[in-house]
Amino acid sequence: MSNKNILGINLFLEIKKICKKYKKIKTCQILELYRNSKKYYIIKKMSCWQHMILKKKIKNVFLDSIKIIYKQNLENKQNFLINKEKTVGLNKEEKKKLWKINKLIFKKYK
C-alpha cells in the first residue's frame, strides 16, 4: 500500500518539493517548469480554480485538507493490513507496521 492510491498525491508532493526549494516561487513559474508535460494542463486548470475560500482562511483550510489526506492514507494502510491479516496473516514487520499505524491514528485523531 503506497501513496499512489491517493489520486494526485505524487503531483502534489512534486510541487511541494519545488515550493520548499524555491520559497518565493510563483504559480506561473511552476507552470513553466511543467510546460511540456501532461501535468502542465492539470496545474493550469488548478491555478484558475475559484475555490471561494476567504483569504484569511486559506492556510487553515489547506492544512486541514492535508491532515485529512494523511489520515485517510493511514486508514487505507490500516484496512489493507487488517484484511491481509484476515486472509493470509501478517509477518512480524507487518504486525509492527499495523501497531504503529494504530498508535498514530489513536493519538492524532481520537
C-alpha atoms as a PDB file:
ATOM      1  CA  MET A   1       0.000   0.000   0.000  1.00  0.00           C
ATOM      2  CA  SER A   2       1.527   3.319  -1.024  1.00  0.00           C
ATOM      3  CA  ASN A   3       0.784   6.927  -1.849  1.00  0.00           C
ATOM      4  CA  LYS A   4      -0.131   6.031  -5.410  1.00  0.00           C
ATOM      5  CA  ASN A   5      -3.600   5.075  -4.137  1.00  0.00           C
ATOM      6  CA  ILE A   6      -4.335   8.753  -3.464  1.00  0.00           C
ATOM      7  CA  LEU A   7      -5.217  10.459  -6.710  1.00  0.00           C
ATOM      8  CA  GLY A   8      -2.898  13.386  -7.465  1.00  0.00           C
ATOM      9  CA  ILE A   9      -0.664  12.898  -4.436  1.00  0.00           C
ATOM     10  CA  ASN A  10       2.506  12.389  -6.480  1.00  0.00           C
ATOM     11  CA  LEU A  11       1.994  15.676  -8.333  1.00  0.00           C
ATOM     12  CA  PHE A  12       1.217  17.404  -5.054  1.00  0.00           C
ATOM     13  CA  LEU A  13       4.432  16.059  -3.499  1.00  0.00           C
ATOM     14  CA  GLU A  14       6.459  17.167  -6.546  1.00  0.00           C
ATOM     15  CA  ILE A  15       5.074  20.701  -6.325  1.00  0.00           C
ATOM     16  CA  LYS A  16       5.581  20.722  -2.553  1.00  0.00           C
ATOM     17  CA  LYS A  17       9.238  19.813  -3.070  1.00  0.00           C
ATOM     18  CA  ILE A  18       9.645  22.624  -5.626  1.00  0.00           C
ATOM     19  CA  CYS A  19       7.972  25.138  -3.309  1.00  0.00           C
ATOM     20  CA  LYS A  20      10.173  24.064  -0.427  1.00  0.00           C
ATOM     21  CA  LYS A  21      13.305  24.503  -2.550  1.00  0.00           C
ATOM     22  CA  TYR A  22      12.219  27.850  -4.033  1.00  0.00           C
ATOM     23  CA  LYS A  23      10.372  29.594  -1.208  1.00  0.00           C
ATOM     24  CA  LYS A  24       9.116  32.544  -3.297  1.00  0.00           C
ATOM     25  CA  ILE A  25       8.168  30.682  -6.468  1.00  0.00           C
ATOM     26  CA  LYS A  26       5.034  31.882  -8.251  1.00  0.00           C
ATOM     27  CA  THR A  27       2.322  29.830  -9.936  1.00  0.00           C
ATOM     28  CA  CYS A  28       3.419  30.982 -13.384  1.00  0.00           C
ATOM     29  CA  GLN A  29       6.958  29.742 -12.676  1.00  0.00           C
ATOM     30  CA  ILE A  30       5.648  26.348 -11.608  1.00  0.00           C
ATOM     31  CA  LEU A  31       3.573  26.209 -14.783  1.00  0.00           C
ATOM     32  CA  GLU A  32       6.675  26.990 -16.814  1.00  0.00           C
ATOM     33  CA  LEU A  33       8.564  24.114 -15.178  1.00  0.00           C
ATOM     34  CA  TYR A  34       5.861  21.714 -16.374  1.00  0.00           C
ATOM     35  CA  ARG A  35       5.240  23.382 -19.774  1.00  0.00           C
ATOM     36  CA  ASN A  36       5.982  20.321 -21.953  1.00  0.00           C
ATOM     37  CA  SER A  37       4.424  17.686 -19.734  1.00  0.00           C
ATOM     38  CA  LYS A  38       0.962  16.211 -19.255  1.00  0.00           C
ATOM     39  CA  LYS A  39       0.961  17.657 -15.751  1.00  0.00           C
ATOM     40  CA  TYR A  40       1.017  21.197 -17.184  1.00  0.00           C
ATOM     41  CA  TYR A  41      -2.695  21.102 -18.026  1.00  0.00           C
ATOM     42  CA  ILE A  42      -3.629  19.798 -14.595  1.00  0.00           C
ATOM     43  CA  ILE A  43      -1.640  22.534 -12.864  1.00  0.00           C
ATOM     44  CA  LYS A  44      -3.011  25.170 -15.225  1.00  0.00           C
ATOM     45  CA  LYS A  45      -6.577  24.094 -14.503  1.00  0.00           C
ATOM     46  CA  MET A  46      -5.943  24.062 -10.749  1.00  0.00           C
ATOM     47  CA  SER A  47      -4.318  27.513 -10.852  1.00  0.00           C
ATOM     48  CA  CYS A  48      -7.505  29.016 -12.324  1.00  0.00           C
ATOM     49  CA  TRP A  49      -9.839  27.218  -9.936  1.00  0.00           C
ATOM     50  CA  GLN A  50     -12.133  29.522  -7.975  1.00  0.00           C
ATOM     51  CA  HIS A  51     -12.028  27.905  -4.526  1.00  0.00           C
ATOM     52  CA  MET A  52     -14.227  30.537  -2.808  1.00  0.00           C
ATOM     53  CA  ILE A  53     -12.199  30.344   0.422  1.00  0.00           C
ATOM     54  CA  LEU A  54     -11.640  33.573   2.308  1.00  0.00           C
ATOM     55  CA  LYS A  55      -8.048  34.736   2.009  1.00  0.00           C
ATOM     56  CA  LYS A  56      -7.526  34.705   5.776  1.00  0.00           C
ATOM     57  CA  LYS A  57      -8.712  31.075   5.980  1.00  0.00           C
ATOM     58  CA  ILE A  58      -6.763  29.593   3.052  1.00  0.00           C
ATOM     59  CA  LYS A  59      -3.849  28.372   5.165  1.00  0.00           C
ATOM     60  CA  ASN A  60      -6.093  26.639   7.729  1.00  0.00           C
ATOM     61  CA  VAL A  61      -8.281  25.028   5.059  1.00  0.00           C
ATOM     62  CA  PHE A  62      -5.176  23.817   3.229  1.00  0.00           C
ATOM     63  CA  LEU A  63      -3.598  22.370   6.381  1.00  0.00           C
ATOM     64  CA  ASP A  64      -6.885  20.711   7.375  1.00  0.00           C
ATOM     65  CA  SER A  65      -7.073  19.140   3.907  1.00  0.00           C
ATOM     66  CA  ILE A  66      -3.536  17.780   4.254  1.00  0.00           C
ATOM     67  CA  LYS A  67      -4.411  16.288   7.651  1.00  0.00           C
ATOM     68  CA  ILE A  68      -7.493  14.616   6.168  1.00  0.00           C
ATOM     69  CA  ILE A  69      -5.454  13.133   3.300  1.00  0.00           C
ATOM     70  CA  TYR A  70      -2.830  11.884   5.759  1.00  0.00           C
ATOM     71  CA  LYS A  71      -5.492  10.318   7.975  1.00  0.00           C
ATOM     72  CA  GLN A  72      -7.197   8.659   5.006  1.00  0.00           C
ATOM     73  CA  ASN A  73      -3.867   7.269   3.865  1.00  0.00           C
ATOM     74  CA  LEU A  74      -3.198   5.844   7.332  1.00  0.00           C
ATOM     75  CA  GLU A  75      -6.689   4.319   7.450  1.00  0.00           C
ATOM     76  CA  ASN A  76      -6.234   2.791   3.986  1.00  0.00           C
ATOM     77  CA  LYS A  77      -2.946   1.214   5.073  1.00  0.00           C
ATOM     78  CA  GLN A  78      -4.584   0.025   8.289  1.00  0.00           C
ATOM     79  CA  ASN A  79      -7.509  -1.556   6.405  1.00  0.00           C
ATOM     80  CA  PHE A  80      -5.156  -3.205   3.932  1.00  0.00           C
ATOM     81  CA  LEU A  81      -3.144  -4.797   6.729  1.00  0.00           C
ATOM     82  CA  ILE A  82      -6.264  -5.851   8.674  1.00  0.00           C
ATOM     83  CA  ASN A  83      -7.702  -7.513   5.569  1.00  0.00           C
ATOM     84  CA  LYS A  84      -4.388  -9.198   4.863  1.00  0.00           C
ATOM     85  CA  GLU A  85      -4.300 -10.477   8.454  1.00  0.00           C
ATOM     86  CA  LYS A  86      -7.754 -11.991   7.994  1.00  0.00           C
ATOM     87  CA  THR A  87      -6.876 -13.708   4.710  1.00  0.00           C
ATOM     88  CA  VAL A  88      -3.236 -14.794   4.796  1.00  0.00           C
ATOM     89  CA  GLY A  89      -1.818 -13.405   8.011  1.00  0.00           C
ATOM     90  CA  LEU A  90       0.881 -10.848   8.671  1.00  0.00           C
ATOM     91  CA  ASN A  91       4.599 -11.302   9.159  1.00  0.00           C
ATOM     92  CA  LYS A  92       6.401  -9.696  12.095  1.00  0.00           C
ATOM     93  CA  GLU A  93       7.249  -6.487  10.206  1.00  0.00           C
ATOM     94  CA  GLU A  94       3.676  -6.043   9.004  1.00  0.00           C
ATOM     95  CA  LYS A  95       2.378  -6.529  12.549  1.00  0.00           C
ATOM     96  CA  LYS A  96       4.777  -3.817  13.774  1.00  0.00           C
ATOM     97  CA  LYS A  97       3.645  -1.540  10.966  1.00  0.00           C
ATOM     98  CA  LEU A  98      -0.018  -2.101  11.847  1.00  0.00           C
ATOM     99  CA  TRP A  99       0.728  -1.409  15.504  1.00  0.00           C
ATOM    100  CA  LYS A 100       2.459   1.886  14.608  1.00  0.00           C
ATOM    101  CA  ILE A 101      -0.417   2.914  12.336  1.00  0.00           C
ATOM    102  CA  ASN A 102      -2.961   2.121  15.064  1.00  0.00           C
ATOM    103  CA  LYS A 103      -0.990   4.212  17.571  1.00  0.00           C
ATOM    104  CA  LEU A 104      -0.752   7.145  15.139  1.00  0.00           C
ATOM    105  CA  ILE A 105      -4.455   7.074  14.370  1.00  0.00           C
ATOM    106  CA  PHE A 106      -5.384   6.827  18.037  1.00  0.00           C
ATOM    107  CA  LYS A 107      -3.002   9.601  19.154  1.00  0.00           C
ATOM    108  CA  LYS A 108      -3.739  12.124  16.439  1.00  0.00           C
ATOM    109  CA  TYR A 109      -7.397  11.629  15.735  1.00  0.00           C
ATOM    110  CA  LYS A 110      -9.105  10.491  18.941  1.00  0.00           C
END
